[in-house]
Amino acid sequence: MYVCDLRSKHEDEQDVQEQKELAKRVMDGVAEFTGISVEEIVSSSRKAKVMEARHLSMYFVRSKTDLKLIEIATLHNKRSHVPVHHGLNKVRFMSSNERDFSQRLAKLKLKLDPIKPHKS
């Protein structure tokens, strides 16, 4: 029997709930940094500034939590993991190709650093 098999379903659900609360704090931090409200971030808006904030939110929620892509999608009012995967790829691409974006990403990372990351 593996150690992970010894965890009860309740403990798993509790951990997921803690991860979702952590994700919401990350989303709040991204909203504050970008000036785009959480409501706009999770909306269906396709405005460039809103989409960038949404992608940043997905990127940092992914890096700070153990949530699955579909769980991150649900937090952002998306129906599947595909928009999350696209957002993560977009942030990675822009950070390596656009110096301005890379600098903003670094500043946001510093702002979000005090938020407790996931357990590794």
PDB file of N, CA and C in Angstrom:
ATOM      1  N   MET A   1       0.844  -1.175   0.000  1.00  0.00           N
ATOM      2  CA  MET A   1       0.000   0.000   0.000  1.00  0.00           C
ATOM      3  C   MET A   1       0.894   1.244   0.000  1.00  0.00           C
ATOM      4  N   TYR A   2       0.552   2.198  -0.838  1.00  0.00           N
ATOM      5  CA  TYR A   2       1.308   3.438  -0.936  1.00  0.00           C
ATOM      6  C   TYR A   2       0.823   4.448   0.099  1.00  0.00           C
ATOM      7  N   VAL A   3       1.712   5.342   0.494  1.00  0.00           N
ATOM      8  CA  VAL A   3       1.363   6.374   1.468  1.00  0.00           C
ATOM      9  C   VAL A   3       0.187   7.199   0.976  1.00  0.00           C
ATOM     10  N   CYS A   4       0.177   7.527  -0.324  1.00  0.00           N
ATOM     11  CA  CYS A   4      -0.908   8.353  -0.852  1.00  0.00           C
ATOM     12  C   CYS A   4      -2.254   7.636  -0.763  1.00  0.00           C
ATOM     13  N   ASP A   5      -2.240   6.287  -0.728  1.00  0.00           N
ATOM     14  CA  ASP A   5      -3.480   5.532  -0.598  1.00  0.00           C
ATOM     15  C   ASP A   5      -4.062   5.637   0.814  1.00  0.00           C
ATOM     16  N   LEU A   6      -3.243   6.030   1.780  1.00  0.00           N
ATOM     17  CA  LEU A   6      -3.695   6.124   3.161  1.00  0.00           C
ATOM     18  C   LEU A   6      -4.499   7.392   3.431  1.00  0.00           C
ATOM     19  N   ARG A   7      -4.405   8.357   2.527  1.00  0.00           N
ATOM     20  CA  ARG A   7      -5.166   9.594   2.721  1.00  0.00           C
ATOM     21  C   ARG A   7      -6.644   9.326   2.506  1.00  0.00           C
ATOM     22  N   SER A   8      -7.442   9.911   3.348  1.00  0.00           N
ATOM     23  CA  SER A   8      -8.885   9.725   3.190  1.00  0.00           C
ATOM     24  C   SER A   8      -9.418  10.665   2.120  1.00  0.00           C
ATOM     25  N   LYS A   9     -10.582  10.349   1.632  1.00  0.00           N
ATOM     26  CA  LYS A   9     -11.236  11.193   0.628  1.00  0.00           C
ATOM     27  C   LYS A   9     -11.465  12.593   1.210  1.00  0.00           C
ATOM     28  N   HIS A  10     -11.788  12.654   2.491  1.00  0.00           N
ATOM     29  CA  HIS A  10     -12.013  13.940   3.154  1.00  0.00           C
ATOM     30  C   HIS A  10     -10.751  14.797   3.135  1.00  0.00           C
ATOM     31  N   GLU A  11      -9.606  14.186   3.408  1.00  0.00           N
ATOM     32  CA  GLU A  11      -8.341  14.927   3.381  1.00  0.00           C
ATOM     33  C   GLU A  11      -8.054  15.458   1.989  1.00  0.00           C
ATOM     34  N   ASP A  12      -8.324  14.639   0.965  1.00  0.00           N
ATOM     35  CA  ASP A  12      -8.123  15.074  -0.424  1.00  0.00           C
ATOM     36  C   ASP A  12      -9.024  16.253  -0.760  1.00  0.00           C
ATOM     37  N   GLU A  13     -10.291  16.166  -0.358  1.00  0.00           N
ATOM     38  CA  GLU A  13     -11.230  17.252  -0.623  1.00  0.00           C
ATOM     39  C   GLU A  13     -10.817  18.519   0.118  1.00  0.00           C
ATOM     40  N   GLN A  14     -10.337  18.351   1.341  1.00  0.00           N
ATOM     41  CA  GLN A  14      -9.887  19.487   2.130  1.00  0.00           C
ATOM     42  C   GLN A  14      -8.675  20.141   1.465  1.00  0.00           C
ATOM     43  N   ASP A  15      -7.747  19.345   0.956  1.00  0.00           N
ATOM     44  CA  ASP A  15      -6.568  19.860   0.273  1.00  0.00           C
ATOM     45  C   ASP A  15      -6.968  20.626  -0.988  1.00  0.00           C
ATOM     46  N   VAL A  16      -7.895  20.078  -1.756  1.00  0.00           N
ATOM     47  CA  VAL A  16      -8.359  20.760  -2.973  1.00  0.00           C
ATOM     48  C   VAL A  16      -8.998  22.088  -2.603  1.00  0.00           C
ATOM     49  N   GLN A  17      -9.779  22.110  -1.525  1.00  0.00           N
ATOM     50  CA  GLN A  17     -10.415  23.353  -1.087  1.00  0.00           C
ATOM     51  C   GLN A  17      -9.356  24.387  -0.692  1.00  0.00           C
ATOM     52  N   GLU A  18      -8.318  23.956   0.010  1.00  0.00           N
ATOM     53  CA  GLU A  18      -7.228  24.864   0.385  1.00  0.00           C
ATOM     54  C   GLU A  18      -6.521  25.396  -0.861  1.00  0.00           C
ATOM     55  N   GLN A  19      -6.326  24.530  -1.835  1.00  0.00           N
ATOM     56  CA  GLN A  19      -5.686  24.935  -3.084  1.00  0.00           C
ATOM     57  C   GLN A  19      -6.543  25.965  -3.830  1.00  0.00           C
ATOM     58  N   LYS A  20      -7.852  25.773  -3.812  1.00  0.00           N
ATOM     59  CA  LYS A  20      -8.749  26.729  -4.480  1.00  0.00           C
ATOM     60  C   LYS A  20      -8.741  28.077  -3.769  1.00  0.00           C
ATOM     61  N   GLU A  21      -8.655  28.068  -2.441  1.00  0.00           N
ATOM     62  CA  GLU A  21      -8.563  29.323  -1.691  1.00  0.00           C
ATOM     63  C   GLU A  21      -7.253  30.037  -2.007  1.00  0.00           C
ATOM     64  N   LEU A  22      -6.177  29.282  -2.112  1.00  0.00           N
ATOM     65  CA  LEU A  22      -4.890  29.835  -2.503  1.00  0.00           C
ATOM     66  C   LEU A  22      -4.985  30.431  -3.915  1.00  0.00           C
ATOM     67  N   ALA A  23      -5.643  29.722  -4.812  1.00  0.00           N
ATOM     68  CA  ALA A  23      -5.823  30.200  -6.183  1.00  0.00           C
ATOM     69  C   ALA A  23      -6.591  31.525  -6.203  1.00  0.00           C
ATOM     70  N   LYS A  24      -7.582  31.644  -5.368  1.00  0.00           N
ATOM     71  CA  LYS A  24      -8.362  32.894  -5.322  1.00  0.00           C
ATOM     72  C   LYS A  24      -7.510  34.058  -4.825  1.00  0.00           C
ATOM     73  N   ARG A  25      -6.614  33.790  -3.883  1.00  0.00           N
ATOM     74  CA  ARG A  25      -5.703  34.847  -3.419  1.00  0.00           C
ATOM     75  C   ARG A  25      -4.758  35.256  -4.546  1.00  0.00           C
ATOM     76  N   VAL A  26      -4.297  34.293  -5.322  1.00  0.00           N
ATOM     77  CA  VAL A  26      -3.441  34.593  -6.476  1.00  0.00           C
ATOM     78  C   VAL A  26      -4.223  35.432  -7.490  1.00  0.00           C
ATOM     79  N   MET A  27      -5.454  35.046  -7.761  1.00  0.00           N
ATOM     80  CA  MET A  27      -6.289  35.789  -8.711  1.00  0.00           C
ATOM     81  C   MET A  27      -6.507  37.224  -8.226  1.00  0.00           C
ATOM     82  N   ASP A  28      -6.719  37.394  -6.925  1.00  0.00           N
ATOM     83  CA  ASP A  28      -6.863  38.737  -6.358  1.00  0.00           C
ATOM     84  C   ASP A  28      -5.588  39.553  -6.569  1.00  0.00           C
ATOM     85  N   GLY A  29      -4.428  38.929  -6.371  1.00  0.00           N
ATOM     86  CA  GLY A  29      -3.152  39.609  -6.570  1.00  0.00           C
ATOM     87  C   GLY A  29      -2.942  40.021  -8.016  1.00  0.00           C
ATOM     88  N   VAL A  30      -3.304  39.155  -8.947  1.00  0.00           N
ATOM     89  CA  VAL A  30      -3.189  39.477 -10.377  1.00  0.00           C
ATOM     90  C   VAL A  30      -4.136  40.629 -10.714  1.00  0.00           C
ATOM     91  N   ALA A  31      -5.346  40.573 -10.181  1.00  0.00           N
ATOM     92  CA  ALA A  31      -6.333  41.633 -10.439  1.00  0.00           C
ATOM     93  C   ALA A  31      -5.816  42.980  -9.934  1.00  0.00           C
ATOM     94  N   GLU A  32      -5.274  42.985  -8.737  1.00  0.00           N
ATOM     95  CA  GLU A  32      -4.747  44.228  -8.170  1.00  0.00           C
ATOM     96  C   GLU A  32      -3.585  44.760  -9.015  1.00  0.00           C
ATOM     97  N   PHE A  33      -2.691  43.876  -9.437  1.00  0.00           N
ATOM     98  CA  PHE A  33      -1.520  44.271 -10.216  1.00  0.00           C
ATOM     99  C   PHE A  33      -1.903  44.814 -11.587  1.00  0.00           C
ATOM    100  N   THR A  34      -2.855  44.156 -12.243  1.00  0.00           N
ATOM    101  CA  THR A  34      -3.218  44.535 -13.612  1.00  0.00           C
ATOM    102  C   THR A  34      -4.276  45.630 -13.681  1.00  0.00           C
ATOM    103  N   GLY A  35      -4.995  45.837 -12.584  1.00  0.00           N
ATOM    104  CA  GLY A  35      -6.089  46.803 -12.604  1.00  0.00           C
ATOM    105  C   GLY A  35      -7.342  46.255 -13.269  1.00  0.00           C
ATOM    106  N   ILE A  36      -7.363  44.966 -13.504  1.00  0.00           N
ATOM    107  CA  ILE A  36      -8.521  44.283 -14.084  1.00  0.00           C
ATOM    108  C   ILE A  36      -9.169  43.481 -12.960  1.00  0.00           C
ATOM    109  N   SER A  37     -10.466  43.695 -12.741  1.00  0.00           N
ATOM    110  CA  SER A  37     -11.135  43.019 -11.630  1.00  0.00           C
ATOM    111  C   SER A  37     -11.193  41.507 -11.853  1.00  0.00           C
ATOM    112  N   VAL A  38     -11.338  40.771 -10.754  1.00  0.00           N
ATOM    113  CA  VAL A  38     -11.471  39.316 -10.850  1.00  0.00           C
ATOM    114  C   VAL A  38     -12.708  38.974 -11.682  1.00  0.00           C
ATOM    115  N   GLU A  39     -13.769  39.752 -11.529  1.00  0.00           N
ATOM    116  CA  GLU A  39     -14.990  39.512 -12.303  1.00  0.00           C
ATOM    117  C   GLU A  39     -14.706  39.607 -13.804  1.00  0.00           C
ATOM    118  N   GLU A  40     -13.891  40.591 -14.195  1.00  0.00           N
ATOM    119  CA  GLU A  40     -13.530  40.714 -15.606  1.00  0.00           C
ATOM    120  C   GLU A  40     -12.605  39.573 -16.034  1.00  0.00           C
ATOM    121  N   ILE A  41     -11.675  39.201 -15.156  1.00  0.00           N
ATOM    122  CA  ILE A  41     -10.743  38.113 -15.475  1.00  0.00           C
ATOM    123  C   ILE A  41     -11.500  36.825 -15.778  1.00  0.00           C
ATOM    124  N   VAL A  42     -12.533  36.535 -15.019  1.00  0.00           N
ATOM    125  CA  VAL A  42     -13.284  35.292 -15.225  1.00  0.00           C
ATOM    126  C   VAL A  42     -14.446  35.455 -16.202  1.00  0.00           C
ATOM    127  N   SER A  43     -14.592  36.658 -16.758  1.00  0.00           N
ATOM    128  CA  SER A  43     -15.660  36.890 -17.730  1.00  0.00           C
ATOM    129  C   SER A  43     -15.281  36.285 -19.083  1.00  0.00           C
ATOM    130  N   SER A  44     -16.156  36.434 -20.044  1.00  0.00           N
ATOM    131  CA  SER A  44     -15.868  35.932 -21.393  1.00  0.00           C
ATOM    132  C   SER A  44     -15.307  37.024 -22.291  1.00  0.00           C
ATOM    133  N   SER A  45     -14.934  38.154 -21.710  1.00  0.00           N
ATOM    134  CA  SER A  45     -14.395  39.269 -22.486  1.00  0.00           C
ATOM    135  C   SER A  45     -13.173  38.851 -23.277  1.00  0.00           C
ATOM    136  N   ARG A  46     -13.070  39.368 -24.500  1.00  0.00           N
ATOM    137  CA  ARG A  46     -11.928  39.077 -25.350  1.00  0.00           C
ATOM    138  C   ARG A  46     -11.053  40.313 -25.561  1.00  0.00           C
ATOM    139  N   LYS A  47     -11.264  41.335 -24.734  1.00  0.00           N
ATOM    140  CA  LYS A  47     -10.399  42.516 -24.801  1.00  0.00           C
ATOM    141  C   LYS A  47      -8.979  42.099 -24.455  1.00  0.00           C
ATOM    142  N   ALA A  48      -8.010  42.672 -25.155  1.00  0.00           N
ATOM    143  CA  ALA A  48      -6.609  42.265 -25.006  1.00  0.00           C
ATOM    144  C   ALA A  48      -6.126  42.362 -23.560  1.00  0.00           C
ATOM    145  N   LYS A  49      -6.425  43.460 -22.885  1.00  0.00           N
ATOM    146  CA  LYS A  49      -5.960  43.642 -21.500  1.00  0.00           C
ATOM    147  C   LYS A  49      -6.585  42.601 -20.566  1.00  0.00           C
ATOM    148  N   VAL A  50      -7.854  42.301 -20.789  1.00  0.00           N
ATOM    149  CA  VAL A  50      -8.545  41.309 -19.950  1.00  0.00           C
ATOM    150  C   VAL A  50      -7.979  39.920 -20.209  1.00  0.00           C
ATOM    151  N   MET A  51      -7.763  39.601 -21.479  1.00  0.00           N
ATOM    152  CA  MET A  51      -7.213  38.276 -21.806  1.00  0.00           C
ATOM    153  C   MET A  51      -5.797  38.110 -21.252  1.00  0.00           C
ATOM    154  N   GLU A  52      -5.008  39.173 -21.306  1.00  0.00           N
ATOM    155  CA  GLU A  52      -3.662  39.091 -20.743  1.00  0.00           C
ATOM    156  C   GLU A  52      -3.732  38.845 -19.236  1.00  0.00           C
ATOM    157  N   ALA A  53      -4.611  39.568 -18.547  1.00  0.00           N
ATOM    158  CA  ALA A  53      -4.770  39.367 -17.107  1.00  0.00           C
ATOM    159  C   ALA A  53      -5.256  37.948 -16.813  1.00  0.00           C
ATOM    160  N   ARG A  54      -6.157  37.441 -17.631  1.00  0.00           N
ATOM    161  CA  ARG A  54      -6.669  36.074 -17.455  1.00  0.00           C
ATOM    162  C   ARG A  54      -5.546  35.053 -17.625  1.00  0.00           C
ATOM    163  N   HIS A  55      -4.739  35.240 -18.668  1.00  0.00           N
ATOM    164  CA  HIS A  55      -3.628  34.319 -18.903  1.00  0.00           C
ATOM    165  C   HIS A  55      -2.611  34.372 -17.760  1.00  0.00           C
ATOM    166  N   LEU A  56      -2.336  35.573 -17.272  1.00  0.00           N
ATOM    167  CA  LEU A  56      -1.425  35.705 -16.130  1.00  0.00           C
ATOM    168  C   LEU A  56      -1.998  35.008 -14.900  1.00  0.00           C
ATOM    169  N   SER A  57      -3.283  35.179 -14.688  1.00  0.00           N
ATOM    170  CA  SER A  57      -3.941  34.543 -13.558  1.00  0.00           C
ATOM    171  C   SER A  57      -3.822  33.026 -13.662  1.00  0.00           C
ATOM    172  N   MET A  58      -4.110  32.483 -14.821  1.00  0.00           N
ATOM    173  CA  MET A  58      -4.001  31.035 -15.021  1.00  0.00           C
ATOM    174  C   MET A  58      -2.560  30.556 -14.808  1.00  0.00           C
ATOM    175  N   TYR A  59      -1.620  31.317 -15.325  1.00  0.00           N
ATOM    176  CA  TYR A  59      -0.200  30.971 -15.221  1.00  0.00           C
ATOM    177  C   TYR A  59       0.240  30.906 -13.758  1.00  0.00           C
ATOM    178  N   PHE A  60      -0.112  31.929 -12.981  1.00  0.00           N
ATOM    179  CA  PHE A  60       0.332  31.951 -11.588  1.00  0.00           C
ATOM    180  C   PHE A  60      -0.470  31.001 -10.703  1.00  0.00           C
ATOM    181  N   VAL A  61      -1.738  30.786 -11.014  1.00  0.00           N
ATOM    182  CA  VAL A  61      -2.494  29.778 -10.262  1.00  0.00           C
ATOM    183  C   VAL A  61      -1.857  28.410 -10.491  1.00  0.00           C
ATOM    184  N   ARG A  62      -1.469  28.149 -11.716  1.00  0.00           N
ATOM    185  CA  ARG A  62      -0.821  26.868 -12.037  1.00  0.00           C
ATOM    186  C   ARG A  62       0.512  26.723 -11.292  1.00  0.00           C
ATOM    187  N   SER A  63       1.279  27.811 -11.239  1.00  0.00           N
ATOM    188  CA  SER A  63       2.603  27.717 -10.613  1.00  0.00           C
ATOM    189  C   SER A  63       2.542  27.685  -9.084  1.00  0.00           C
ATOM    190  N   LYS A  64       1.475  28.209  -8.495  1.00  0.00           N
ATOM    191  CA  LYS A  64       1.387  28.281  -7.033  1.00  0.00           C
ATOM    192  C   LYS A  64       0.546  27.170  -6.409  1.00  0.00           C
ATOM    193  N   THR A  65      -0.167  26.406  -7.220  1.00  0.00           N
ATOM    194  CA  THR A  65      -1.051  25.384  -6.663  1.00  0.00           C
ATOM    195  C   THR A  65      -0.801  24.033  -7.324  1.00  0.00           C
ATOM    196  N   ASP A  66      -1.441  23.023  -6.774  1.00  0.00           N
ATOM    197  CA  ASP A  66      -1.405  21.679  -7.351  1.00  0.00           C
ATOM    198  C   ASP A  66      -2.698  21.374  -8.105  1.00  0.00           C
ATOM    199  N   LEU A  67      -3.465  22.394  -8.419  1.00  0.00           N
ATOM    200  CA  LEU A  67      -4.740  22.178  -9.099  1.00  0.00           C
ATOM    201  C   LEU A  67      -4.522  21.649 -10.512  1.00  0.00           C
ATOM    202  N   LYS A  68      -5.430  20.807 -10.945  1.00  0.00           N
ATOM    203  CA  LYS A  68      -5.407  20.283 -12.303  1.00  0.00           C
ATOM    204  C   LYS A  68      -5.862  21.389 -13.261  1.00  0.00           C
ATOM    205  N   LEU A  69      -5.511  21.240 -14.523  1.00  0.00           N
ATOM    206  CA  LEU A  69      -5.893  22.252 -15.514  1.00  0.00           C
ATOM    207  C   LEU A  69      -7.405  22.465 -15.547  1.00  0.00           C
ATOM    208  N   ILE A  70      -8.173  21.395 -15.440  1.00  0.00           N
ATOM    209  CA  ILE A  70      -9.632  21.533 -15.485  1.00  0.00           C
ATOM    210  C   ILE A  70     -10.143  22.303 -14.262  1.00  0.00           C
ATOM    211  N   GLU A  71      -9.479  22.142 -13.124  1.00  0.00           N
ATOM    212  CA  GLU A  71      -9.887  22.887 -11.924  1.00  0.00           C
ATOM    213  C   GLU A  71      -9.563  24.371 -12.080  1.00  0.00           C
ATOM    214  N   ILE A  72      -8.430  24.670 -12.693  1.00  0.00           N
ATOM    215  CA  ILE A  72      -8.078  26.060 -12.975  1.00  0.00           C
ATOM    216  C   ILE A  72      -9.070  26.636 -13.969  1.00  0.00           C
ATOM    217  N   ALA A  73      -9.444  25.841 -14.955  1.00  0.00           N
ATOM    218  CA  ALA A  73     -10.437  26.283 -15.942  1.00  0.00           C
ATOM    219  C   ALA A  73     -11.756  26.634 -15.257  1.00  0.00           C
ATOM    220  N   THR A  74     -12.192  25.781 -14.357  1.00  0.00           N
ATOM    221  CA  THR A  74     -13.452  26.017 -13.648  1.00  0.00           C
ATOM    222  C   THR A  74     -13.399  27.320 -12.847  1.00  0.00           C
ATOM    223  N   LEU A  75     -12.278  27.575 -12.190  1.00  0.00           N
ATOM    224  CA  LEU A  75     -12.122  28.820 -11.433  1.00  0.00           C
ATOM    225  C   LEU A  75     -12.207  30.056 -12.331  1.00  0.00           C
ATOM    226  N   HIS A  76     -11.847  29.875 -13.599  1.00  0.00           N
ATOM    227  CA  HIS A  76     -11.864  30.980 -14.559  1.00  0.00           C
ATOM    228  C   HIS A  76     -13.091  30.932 -15.479  1.00  0.00           C
ATOM    229  N   ASN A  77     -14.104  30.174 -15.068  1.00  0.00           N
ATOM    230  CA  ASN A  77     -15.359  30.036 -15.817  1.00  0.00           C
ATOM    231  C   ASN A  77     -15.163  29.495 -17.229  1.00  0.00           C
ATOM    232  N   LYS A  78     -14.258  28.563 -17.377  1.00  0.00           N
ATOM    233  CA  LYS A  78     -14.030  27.909 -18.660  1.00  0.00           C
ATOM    234  C   LYS A  78     -14.521  26.475 -18.560  1.00  0.00           C
ATOM    235  N   ARG A  79     -14.928  25.907 -19.689  1.00  0.00           N
ATOM    236  CA  ARG A  79     -15.529  24.570 -19.683  1.00  0.00           C
ATOM    237  C   ARG A  79     -14.540  23.431 -19.823  1.00  0.00           C
ATOM    238  N   SER A  80     -13.341  23.744 -20.307  1.00  0.00           N
ATOM    239  CA  SER A  80     -12.352  22.680 -20.475  1.00  0.00           C
ATOM    240  C   SER A  80     -10.965  23.204 -20.116  1.00  0.00           C
ATOM    241  N   HIS A  81     -10.011  22.309 -20.150  1.00  0.00           N
ATOM    242  CA  HIS A  81      -8.632  22.675 -19.834  1.00  0.00           C
ATOM    243  C   HIS A  81      -7.950  23.400 -20.989  1.00  0.00           C
ATOM    244  N   VAL A  82      -8.512  23.375 -22.173  1.00  0.00           N
ATOM    245  CA  VAL A  82      -7.857  23.913 -23.369  1.00  0.00           C
ATOM    246  C   VAL A  82      -7.518  25.407 -23.253  1.00  0.00           C
ATOM    247  N   PRO A  83      -8.446  26.265 -22.790  1.00  0.00           N
ATOM    248  CA  PRO A  83      -8.072  27.686 -22.655  1.00  0.00           C
ATOM    249  C   PRO A  83      -6.945  27.909 -21.643  1.00  0.00           C
ATOM    250  N   VAL A  84      -6.873  27.071 -20.622  1.00  0.00           N
ATOM    251  CA  VAL A  84      -5.806  27.187 -19.624  1.00  0.00           C
ATOM    252  C   VAL A  84      -4.479  26.813 -20.278  1.00  0.00           C
ATOM    253  N   HIS A  85      -4.477  25.732 -20.990  1.00  0.00           N
ATOM    254  CA  HIS A  85      -3.259  25.286 -21.683  1.00  0.00           C
ATOM    255  C   HIS A  85      -2.788  26.372 -22.652  1.00  0.00           C
ATOM    256  N   HIS A  86      -3.719  26.961 -23.385  1.00  0.00           N
ATOM    257  CA  HIS A  86      -3.379  28.043 -24.316  1.00  0.00           C
ATOM    258  C   HIS A  86      -2.804  29.241 -23.555  1.00  0.00           C
ATOM    259  N   GLY A  87      -3.433  29.612 -22.443  1.00  0.00           N
ATOM    260  CA  GLY A  87      -2.966  30.742 -21.650  1.00  0.00           C
ATOM    261  C   GLY A  87      -1.565  30.533 -21.107  1.00  0.00           C
ATOM    262  N   LEU A  88      -1.290  29.330 -20.630  1.00  0.00           N
ATOM    263  CA  LEU A  88       0.051  29.016 -20.114  1.00  0.00           C
ATOM    264  C   LEU A  88       1.091  29.130 -21.226  1.00  0.00           C
ATOM    265  N   ASN A  89       0.764  28.586 -22.386  1.00  0.00           N
ATOM    266  CA  ASN A  89       1.687  28.670 -23.523  1.00  0.00           C
ATOM    267  C   ASN A  89       1.895  30.112 -23.973  1.00  0.00           C
ATOM    268  N   LYS A  90       0.832  30.892 -23.954  1.00  0.00           N
ATOM    269  CA  LYS A  90       0.912  32.300 -24.370  1.00  0.00           C
ATOM    270  C   LYS A  90       1.850  33.083 -23.435  1.00  0.00           C
ATOM    271  N   VAL A  91       1.707  32.884 -22.137  1.00  0.00           N
ATOM    272  CA  VAL A  91       2.564  33.581 -21.170  1.00  0.00           C
ATOM    273  C   VAL A  91       4.020  33.158 -21.360  1.00  0.00           C
ATOM    274  N   ARG A  92       4.254  31.879 -21.526  1.00  0.00           N
ATOM    275  CA  ARG A  92       5.628  31.398 -21.742  1.00  0.00           C
ATOM    276  C   ARG A  92       6.229  31.993 -23.010  1.00  0.00           C
ATOM    277  N   PHE A  93       5.453  32.007 -24.089  1.00  0.00           N
ATOM    278  CA  PHE A  93       5.933  32.546 -25.356  1.00  0.00           C
ATOM    279  C   PHE A  93       6.241  34.038 -25.229  1.00  0.00           C
ATOM    280  N   MET A  94       5.292  34.788 -24.659  1.00  0.00           N
ATOM    281  CA  MET A  94       5.479  36.233 -24.544  1.00  0.00           C
ATOM    282  C   MET A  94       6.630  36.583 -23.610  1.00  0.00           C
ATOM    283  N   SER A  95       6.816  35.813 -22.555  1.00  0.00           N
ATOM    284  CA  SER A  95       7.902  36.117 -21.613  1.00  0.00           C
ATOM    285  C   SER A  95       9.267  35.894 -22.250  1.00  0.00           C
ATOM    286  N   SER A  96       9.342  34.994 -23.204  1.00  0.00           N
ATOM    287  CA  SER A  96      10.632  34.755 -23.851  1.00  0.00           C
ATOM    288  C   SER A  96      10.841  35.613 -25.096  1.00  0.00           C
ATOM    289  N   ASN A  97       9.781  36.261 -25.594  1.00  0.00           N
ATOM    290  CA  ASN A  97       9.894  37.032 -26.834  1.00  0.00           C
ATOM    291  C   ASN A  97       9.631  38.528 -26.694  1.00  0.00           C
ATOM    292  N   GLU A  98       9.037  38.947 -25.589  1.00  0.00           N
ATOM    293  CA  GLU A  98       8.730  40.365 -25.410  1.00  0.00           C
ATOM    294  C   GLU A  98       9.327  40.840 -24.083  1.00  0.00           C
ATOM    295  N   ARG A  99      10.322  41.672 -24.191  1.00  0.00           N
ATOM    296  CA  ARG A  99      11.051  42.145 -23.015  1.00  0.00           C
ATOM    297  C   ARG A  99      10.145  42.884 -22.025  1.00  0.00           C
ATOM    298  N   ASP A 100       9.270  43.740 -22.535  1.00  0.00           N
ATOM    299  CA  ASP A 100       8.329  44.485 -21.700  1.00  0.00           C
ATOM    300  C   ASP A 100       7.461  43.539 -20.866  1.00  0.00           C
ATOM    301  N   PHE A 101       6.919  42.550 -21.547  1.00  0.00           N
ATOM    302  CA  PHE A 101       6.060  41.578 -20.877  1.00  0.00           C
ATOM    303  C   PHE A 101       6.859  40.801 -19.837  1.00  0.00           C
ATOM    304  N   SER A 102       8.055  40.416 -20.193  1.00  0.00           N
ATOM    305  CA  SER A 102       8.920  39.663 -19.284  1.00  0.00           C
ATOM    306  C   SER A 102       9.200  40.455 -18.008  1.00  0.00           C
ATOM    307  N   GLN A 103       9.399  41.755 -18.138  1.00  0.00           N
ATOM    308  CA  GLN A 103       9.651  42.600 -16.970  1.00  0.00           C
ATOM    309  C   GLN A 103       8.406  42.702 -16.089  1.00  0.00           C
ATOM    310  N   ARG A 104       7.230  42.863 -16.715  1.00  0.00           N
ATOM    311  CA  ARG A 104       5.975  42.914 -15.945  1.00  0.00           C
ATOM    312  C   ARG A 104       5.733  41.583 -15.237  1.00  0.00           C
ATOM    313  N   LEU A 105       6.045  40.486 -15.920  1.00  0.00           N
ATOM    314  CA  LEU A 105       5.878  39.161 -15.337  1.00  0.00           C
ATOM    315  C   LEU A 105       6.763  39.010 -14.094  1.00  0.00           C
ATOM    316  N   ALA A 106       7.990  39.487 -14.183  1.00  0.00           N
ATOM    317  CA  ALA A 106       8.918  39.419 -13.045  1.00  0.00           C
ATOM    318  C   ALA A 106       8.399  40.254 -11.870  1.00  0.00           C
ATOM    319  N   LYS A 107       7.861  41.444 -12.154  1.00  0.00           N
ATOM    320  CA  LYS A 107       7.304  42.294 -11.083  1.00  0.00           C
ATOM    321  C   LYS A 107       6.098  41.625 -10.427  1.00  0.00           C
ATOM    322  N   LEU A 108       5.261  41.022 -11.238  1.00  0.00           N
ATOM    323  CA  LEU A 108       4.080  40.343 -10.697  1.00  0.00           C
ATOM    324  C   LEU A 108       4.510  39.134  -9.871  1.00  0.00           C
ATOM    325  N   LYS A 109       5.503  38.415 -10.326  1.00  0.00           N
ATOM    326  CA  LYS A 109       6.016  37.270  -9.573  1.00  0.00           C
ATOM    327  C   LYS A 109       6.495  37.706  -8.191  1.00  0.00           C
ATOM    328  N   LEU A 110       7.215  38.827  -8.135  1.00  0.00           N
ATOM    329  CA  LEU A 110       7.675  39.350  -6.842  1.00  0.00           C
ATOM    330  C   LEU A 110       6.506  39.710  -5.938  1.00  0.00           C
ATOM    331  N   LYS A 111       5.468  40.286  -6.525  1.00  0.00           N
ATOM    332  CA  LYS A 111       4.284  40.661  -5.754  1.00  0.00           C
ATOM    333  C   LYS A 111       3.582  39.421  -5.185  1.00  0.00           C
ATOM    334  N   LEU A 112       3.569  38.352  -5.966  1.00  0.00           N
ATOM    335  CA  LEU A 112       2.856  37.146  -5.553  1.00  0.00           C
ATOM    336  C   LEU A 112       3.718  36.190  -4.728  1.00  0.00           C
ATOM    337  N   ASP A 113       5.015  36.439  -4.639  1.00  0.00           N
ATOM    338  CA  ASP A 113       5.913  35.547  -3.894  1.00  0.00           C
ATOM    339  C   ASP A 113       5.479  35.281  -2.454  1.00  0.00           C
ATOM    340  N   PRO A 114       4.958  36.291  -1.731  1.00  0.00           N
ATOM    341  CA  PRO A 114       4.540  36.007  -0.344  1.00  0.00           C
ATOM    342  C   PRO A 114       3.385  35.009  -0.239  1.00  0.00           C
ATOM    343  N   ILE A 115       2.665  34.795  -1.338  1.00  0.00           N
ATOM    344  CA  ILE A 115       1.568  33.825  -1.311  1.00  0.00           C
ATOM    345  C   ILE A 115       2.179  32.432  -1.301  1.00  0.00           C
ATOM    346  N   LYS A 116       1.774  31.649  -0.319  1.00  0.00           N
ATOM    347  CA  LYS A 116       2.348  30.315  -0.097  1.00  0.00           C
ATOM    348  C   LYS A 116       2.172  29.447  -1.347  1.00  0.00           C
ATOM    349  N   PRO A 117       3.268  28.911  -1.890  1.00  0.00           N
ATOM    350  CA  PRO A 117       3.171  28.033  -3.061  1.00  0.00           C
ATOM    351  C   PRO A 117       2.717  26.627  -2.678  1.00  0.00           C
ATOM    352  N   HIS A 118       2.469  25.813  -3.707  1.00  0.00           N
ATOM    353  CA  HIS A 118       2.046  24.432  -3.458  1.00  0.00           C
ATOM    354  C   HIS A 118       3.160  23.611  -2.833  1.00  0.00           C
ATOM    355  N   LYS A 119       2.779  22.509  -2.228  1.00  0.00           N
ATOM    356  CA  LYS A 119       3.748  21.593  -1.616  1.00  0.00           C
ATOM    357  C   LYS A 119       4.347  20.753  -2.719  1.00  0.00           C
ATOM    358  N   SER A 120       5.663  20.630  -2.714  1.00  0.00           N
ATOM    359  CA  SER A 120       6.312  19.804  -3.743  1.00  0.00           C
ATOM    360  C   SER A 120       6.719  18.475  -3.195  1.00  0.00           C
TER     361      SER A 120
END
